[in-house]
């Protein structure tokens, strides 16, 4: 696995962890932390689909925050 793939995997793991906490009844993290993780993923990935989906998710979450 290349360094870029390792980084993407780490970010995806982080997003999954944050999403699980947000969806649990004991959520201790906010949507802003999920947005930050998605922004990191969108900026660090070389995969166009991952970048586009991350940006779309950021837009959806940002809309719900305001």
Protein backbone atom coordinates (compact mmCIF):
# COMPACT_ATOMS: atom_id res chain seq x y z
CA UNK A 1 0.00 0.00 0.00
CA UNK A 2 1.42 3.41 -0.93
CA UNK A 3 1.71 6.38 1.38
CA UNK A 4 -1.28 8.12 -0.27
CA UNK A 5 -3.39 4.99 0.17
CA UNK A 6 -2.30 4.74 3.82
CA UNK A 7 -3.26 8.39 4.41
CA UNK A 8 -6.65 7.91 2.76
CA UNK A 9 -7.27 4.80 4.84
CA UNK A 10 -6.41 6.66 8.06
CA UNK A 11 -8.72 9.53 7.20
CA UNK A 12 -11.55 7.15 6.26
CA UNK A 13 -11.08 5.34 9.59
CA UNK A 14 -11.23 8.67 11.41
CA UNK A 15 -14.40 9.69 9.57
CA UNK A 16 -16.00 6.33 10.34
CA UNK A 17 -15.15 6.69 14.01
CA UNK A 18 -16.54 10.22 14.19
CA UNK A 19 -19.70 9.24 12.28
CA UNK A 20 -20.36 6.33 14.66
CA UNK A 21 -20.05 8.66 17.64
CA UNK A 22 -22.34 11.23 16.05
CA UNK A 23 -24.95 8.59 15.38
CA UNK A 24 -24.77 7.10 18.87
CA UNK A 25 -26.91 8.42 21.67
CA UNK A 26 -23.74 9.35 23.55
CA UNK A 27 -22.39 11.66 20.86
CA UNK A 28 -19.49 13.68 22.24
CA UNK A 29 -18.24 15.00 18.91
CA UNK A 30 -19.81 17.61 16.72
CA UNK A 31 -20.51 17.89 13.05
CA UNK A 32 -17.70 20.43 12.75
CA UNK A 33 -15.18 17.70 13.56
CA UNK A 34 -16.63 15.48 10.87
CA UNK A 35 -16.46 18.37 8.41
CA UNK A 36 -12.79 18.92 9.31
CA UNK A 37 -12.01 15.26 8.65
CA UNK A 38 -13.86 15.39 5.33
CA UNK A 39 -11.96 18.54 4.33
CA UNK A 40 -8.68 16.81 5.11
CA UNK A 41 -9.73 13.84 3.00
CA UNK A 42 -10.85 15.99 0.08
CA UNK A 43 -7.52 17.85 0.06
CA UNK A 44 -5.29 14.81 0.49
CA UNK A 45 -6.83 12.23 -1.84
CA UNK A 46 -5.85 11.63 -5.43
CA UNK A 47 -9.12 9.80 -6.09
CA UNK A 48 -11.52 12.15 -7.88
CA UNK A 49 -14.61 10.28 -6.65
CA UNK A 50 -13.50 10.41 -3.03
CA UNK A 51 -12.78 14.15 -3.37
CA UNK A 52 -16.16 14.89 -4.98
CA UNK A 53 -18.08 12.81 -2.44
CA UNK A 54 -16.21 14.43 0.44
CA UNK A 55 -17.02 17.90 -0.86
CA UNK A 56 -20.67 16.94 -1.32
CA UNK A 57 -20.81 15.59 2.24
CA UNK A 58 -19.19 18.78 3.57
CA UNK A 59 -21.81 20.88 1.80
CA UNK A 60 -24.65 18.77 3.19
CA UNK A 61 -23.32 18.89 6.76
CA UNK A 62 -22.55 22.61 6.55
CA UNK A 63 -26.08 23.31 5.41
CA UNK A 64 -27.44 21.43 8.43
CA UNK A 65 -25.23 23.40 10.82
CA UNK A 66 -26.54 26.79 9.74
